[in-house]
Amino acid sequence: MGFTHANIGLADLSAPAPREEVELMVDTGALYSIVPAETLRRIGIQPRQRLEFELANGGVIERAVGDARFFYDGRDAASPVIFGEPEDAALLGVVTLEAMGLEVDPVRKQIRPTRLILY
């Protein structure tokens, strides 16, 4: 499929400014988005808890998690965000994508609106 990247705006939930734009690799295999901790703190986002995450190789790591407002192509939504450490890739996870009503088009390698279904 290859990689899909997106420029995503980020802000603290309590204030839409300052907003910072970051380039994230879209990873539909990742639940939560990961943004460098330095970036999150610079715009006022603080961790609210630490959680354990299992890696693809079976290892387990612990990371701080907070909440951010994500912006993309006229859409925005609140979503959990992992405070990335220097060795972590910056990722846009599926929880954030779904919160904004977006999906990945694997052929065009683009993010697009998804059909929202209410059951």
C-alpha atoms as a PDB file:
ATOM      1  CA  MET A   1       0.000   0.000   0.000  1.00  0.00           C
ATOM      2  CA  GLY A   2       2.830   2.435   0.740  1.00  0.00           C
ATOM      3  CA  PHE A   3       2.750   5.294   3.168  1.00  0.00           C
ATOM      4  CA  THR A   4       0.216   8.076   3.487  1.00  0.00           C
ATOM      5  CA  HIS A   5       1.176  11.297   5.236  1.00  0.00           C
ATOM      6  CA  ALA A   6      -1.030  14.203   6.254  1.00  0.00           C
ATOM      7  CA  ASN A   7      -0.505  17.696   7.602  1.00  0.00           C
ATOM      8  CA  ILE A   8      -2.643  17.857  10.729  1.00  0.00           C
ATOM      9  CA  GLY A   9      -3.422  20.862  12.915  1.00  0.00           C
ATOM     10  CA  LEU A  10      -3.230  20.343  16.678  1.00  0.00           C
ATOM     11  CA  ALA A  11      -4.504  22.423  19.591  1.00  0.00           C
ATOM     12  CA  ASP A  12      -5.272  22.097  23.267  1.00  0.00           C
ATOM     13  CA  LEU A  13      -8.910  21.196  23.939  1.00  0.00           C
ATOM     14  CA  SER A  14      -9.461  24.285  26.071  1.00  0.00           C
ATOM     15  CA  ALA A  15      -8.231  26.753  23.428  1.00  0.00           C
ATOM     16  CA  PRO A  16      -8.100  26.518  19.625  1.00  0.00           C
ATOM     17  CA  ALA A  17      -4.958  28.664  19.644  1.00  0.00           C
ATOM     18  CA  PRO A  18      -2.106  28.257  19.535  1.00  0.00           C
ATOM     19  CA  ARG A  19      -2.519  25.666  16.827  1.00  0.00           C
ATOM     20  CA  GLU A  20       0.469  23.880  15.387  1.00  0.00           C
ATOM     21  CA  GLU A  21       0.656  21.917  12.152  1.00  0.00           C
ATOM     22  CA  VAL A  22       2.535  18.625  12.133  1.00  0.00           C
ATOM     23  CA  GLU A  23       3.149  16.030   9.450  1.00  0.00           C
ATOM     24  CA  LEU A  24       1.973  12.604  10.587  1.00  0.00           C
ATOM     25  CA  MET A  25       2.203   9.234   8.899  1.00  0.00           C
ATOM     26  CA  VAL A  26      -1.258   7.682   8.712  1.00  0.00           C
ATOM     27  CA  ASP A  27      -1.257   4.262  10.390  1.00  0.00           C
ATOM     28  CA  THR A  28      -4.579   2.422  10.422  1.00  0.00           C
ATOM     29  CA  GLY A  29      -2.908  -0.308  12.465  1.00  0.00           C
ATOM     30  CA  ALA A  30      -2.317   2.138  15.326  1.00  0.00           C
ATOM     31  CA  LEU A  31      -5.194   2.972  17.647  1.00  0.00           C
ATOM     32  CA  TYR A  32      -3.940   6.279  19.062  1.00  0.00           C
ATOM     33  CA  SER A  33      -2.075   9.090  17.364  1.00  0.00           C
ATOM     34  CA  ILE A  34       1.506   9.805  18.452  1.00  0.00           C
ATOM     35  CA  VAL A  35       2.915  13.334  18.422  1.00  0.00           C
ATOM     36  CA  PRO A  36       6.300  14.403  19.796  1.00  0.00           C
ATOM     37  CA  ALA A  37       5.919  15.350  23.466  1.00  0.00           C
ATOM     38  CA  GLU A  38       7.786  18.617  22.881  1.00  0.00           C
ATOM     39  CA  THR A  39       5.183  19.700  20.302  1.00  0.00           C
ATOM     40  CA  LEU A  40       2.248  18.829  22.550  1.00  0.00           C
ATOM     41  CA  ARG A  41       3.674  20.679  25.542  1.00  0.00           C
ATOM     42  CA  ARG A  42       4.508  23.728  23.415  1.00  0.00           C
ATOM     43  CA  ILE A  43       0.812  24.180  22.570  1.00  0.00           C
ATOM     44  CA  GLY A  44      -0.308  23.581  26.147  1.00  0.00           C
ATOM     45  CA  ILE A  45      -1.386  19.939  26.080  1.00  0.00           C
ATOM     46  CA  GLN A  46      -0.563  18.106  29.293  1.00  0.00           C
ATOM     47  CA  PRO A  47      -0.544  14.355  29.972  1.00  0.00           C
ATOM     48  CA  ARG A  48      -3.457  13.021  32.016  1.00  0.00           C
ATOM     49  CA  GLN A  49      -2.245   9.445  32.510  1.00  0.00           C
ATOM     50  CA  ARG A  50       0.381   6.864  31.585  1.00  0.00           C
ATOM     51  CA  LEU A  51      -0.637   3.709  29.728  1.00  0.00           C
ATOM     52  CA  GLU A  52       1.119   0.545  28.597  1.00  0.00           C
ATOM     53  CA  PHE A  53       1.205  -0.313  24.903  1.00  0.00           C
ATOM     54  CA  GLU A  54       2.171  -3.596  23.279  1.00  0.00           C
ATOM     55  CA  LEU A  55       4.524  -3.335  20.319  1.00  0.00           C
ATOM     56  CA  ALA A  56       4.406  -5.441  17.152  1.00  0.00           C
ATOM     57  CA  ASN A  57       7.443  -7.394  18.387  1.00  0.00           C
ATOM     58  CA  GLY A  58       5.634  -8.308  21.622  1.00  0.00           C
ATOM     59  CA  GLY A  59       7.483  -5.795  23.783  1.00  0.00           C
ATOM     60  CA  VAL A  60       5.638  -3.448  26.109  1.00  0.00           C
ATOM     61  CA  ILE A  61       6.289   0.272  26.580  1.00  0.00           C
ATOM     62  CA  GLU A  62       4.700   2.946  28.731  1.00  0.00           C
ATOM     63  CA  ARG A  63       3.807   6.393  27.388  1.00  0.00           C
ATOM     64  CA  ALA A  64       2.049   9.521  28.653  1.00  0.00           C
ATOM     65  CA  VAL A  65      -1.360  10.164  27.092  1.00  0.00           C
ATOM     66  CA  GLY A  66      -3.381  13.375  26.886  1.00  0.00           C
ATOM     67  CA  ASP A  67      -6.177  14.809  24.773  1.00  0.00           C
ATOM     68  CA  ALA A  68      -5.891  17.120  21.773  1.00  0.00           C
ATOM     69  CA  ARG A  69      -8.084  18.724  19.159  1.00  0.00           C
ATOM     70  CA  PHE A  70      -7.063  17.562  15.684  1.00  0.00           C
ATOM     71  CA  PHE A  71      -7.827  19.577  12.519  1.00  0.00           C
ATOM     72  CA  TYR A  72      -7.821  18.336   8.923  1.00  0.00           C
ATOM     73  CA  ASP A  73      -9.467  19.711   5.777  1.00  0.00           C
ATOM     74  CA  GLY A  74     -12.210  21.670   7.533  1.00  0.00           C
ATOM     75  CA  ARG A  75     -12.911  18.963  10.094  1.00  0.00           C
ATOM     76  CA  ASP A  76     -11.912  18.783  13.714  1.00  0.00           C
ATOM     77  CA  ALA A  77     -12.356  16.416  16.641  1.00  0.00           C
ATOM     78  CA  ALA A  78     -11.023  15.661  20.081  1.00  0.00           C
ATOM     79  CA  SER A  79      -8.949  12.513  20.411  1.00  0.00           C
ATOM     80  CA  PRO A  80      -6.451  10.891  22.764  1.00  0.00           C
ATOM     81  CA  VAL A  81      -2.823  11.501  21.844  1.00  0.00           C
ATOM     82  CA  ILE A  82       0.345   9.742  22.943  1.00  0.00           C
ATOM     83  CA  PHE A  83       3.274  11.915  24.024  1.00  0.00           C
ATOM     84  CA  GLY A  84       5.907  10.571  21.661  1.00  0.00           C
ATOM     85  CA  GLU A  85       9.477  10.087  22.770  1.00  0.00           C
ATOM     86  CA  PRO A  86      12.458  10.673  20.453  1.00  0.00           C
ATOM     87  CA  GLU A  87      12.464   7.058  19.190  1.00  0.00           C
ATOM     88  CA  ASP A  88       8.715   7.064  18.368  1.00  0.00           C
ATOM     89  CA  ALA A  89       7.313   7.707  14.893  1.00  0.00           C
ATOM     90  CA  ALA A  90       4.757  10.516  14.609  1.00  0.00           C
ATOM     91  CA  LEU A  91       1.509   8.771  13.631  1.00  0.00           C
ATOM     92  CA  LEU A  92      -2.133   9.529  12.915  1.00  0.00           C
ATOM     93  CA  GLY A  93      -4.080   6.614  14.400  1.00  0.00           C
ATOM     94  CA  VAL A  94      -7.471   5.168  13.631  1.00  0.00           C
ATOM     95  CA  VAL A  95      -9.243   6.598  16.709  1.00  0.00           C
ATOM     96  CA  THR A  96      -8.416  10.120  15.519  1.00  0.00           C
ATOM     97  CA  LEU A  97      -9.366   9.329  11.919  1.00  0.00           C
ATOM     98  CA  GLU A  98     -12.726   7.927  12.970  1.00  0.00           C
ATOM     99  CA  ALA A  99     -13.416  10.813  15.354  1.00  0.00           C
ATOM    100  CA  MET A 100     -13.054  13.177  12.381  1.00  0.00           C
ATOM    101  CA  GLY A 101     -15.131  10.968  10.076  1.00  0.00           C
ATOM    102  CA  LEU A 102     -12.180  10.129   7.854  1.00  0.00           C
ATOM    103  CA  GLU A 103     -10.693   7.034   6.257  1.00  0.00           C
ATOM    104  CA  VAL A 104      -7.675   6.159   4.119  1.00  0.00           C
ATOM    105  CA  ASP A 105      -8.028   5.536   0.403  1.00  0.00           C
ATOM    106  CA  PRO A 106      -5.276   2.920  -0.080  1.00  0.00           C
ATOM    107  CA  VAL A 107      -5.213   3.251  -3.876  1.00  0.00           C
ATOM    108  CA  ARG A 108      -4.814   7.027  -4.021  1.00  0.00           C
ATOM    109  CA  LYS A 109      -2.888   7.152  -0.712  1.00  0.00           C
ATOM    110  CA  GLN A 110      -5.132   9.951   0.520  1.00  0.00           C
ATOM    111  CA  ILE A 111      -7.377  10.661   3.461  1.00  0.00           C
ATOM    112  CA  ARG A 112     -11.017  11.151   2.539  1.00  0.00           C
ATOM    113  CA  PRO A 113     -14.354  11.556   4.324  1.00  0.00           C
ATOM    114  CA  THR A 114     -15.951   8.269   5.259  1.00  0.00           C
ATOM    115  CA  ARG A 115     -19.609   7.392   5.091  1.00  0.00           C
ATOM    116  CA  LEU A 116     -20.891   7.799   8.628  1.00  0.00           C
ATOM    117  CA  ILE A 117     -23.375   5.149   9.680  1.00  0.00           C
ATOM    118  CA  LEU A 118     -25.658   5.449  12.681  1.00  0.00           C
ATOM    119  CA  TYR A 119     -27.039   2.173  13.999  1.00  0.00           C
END
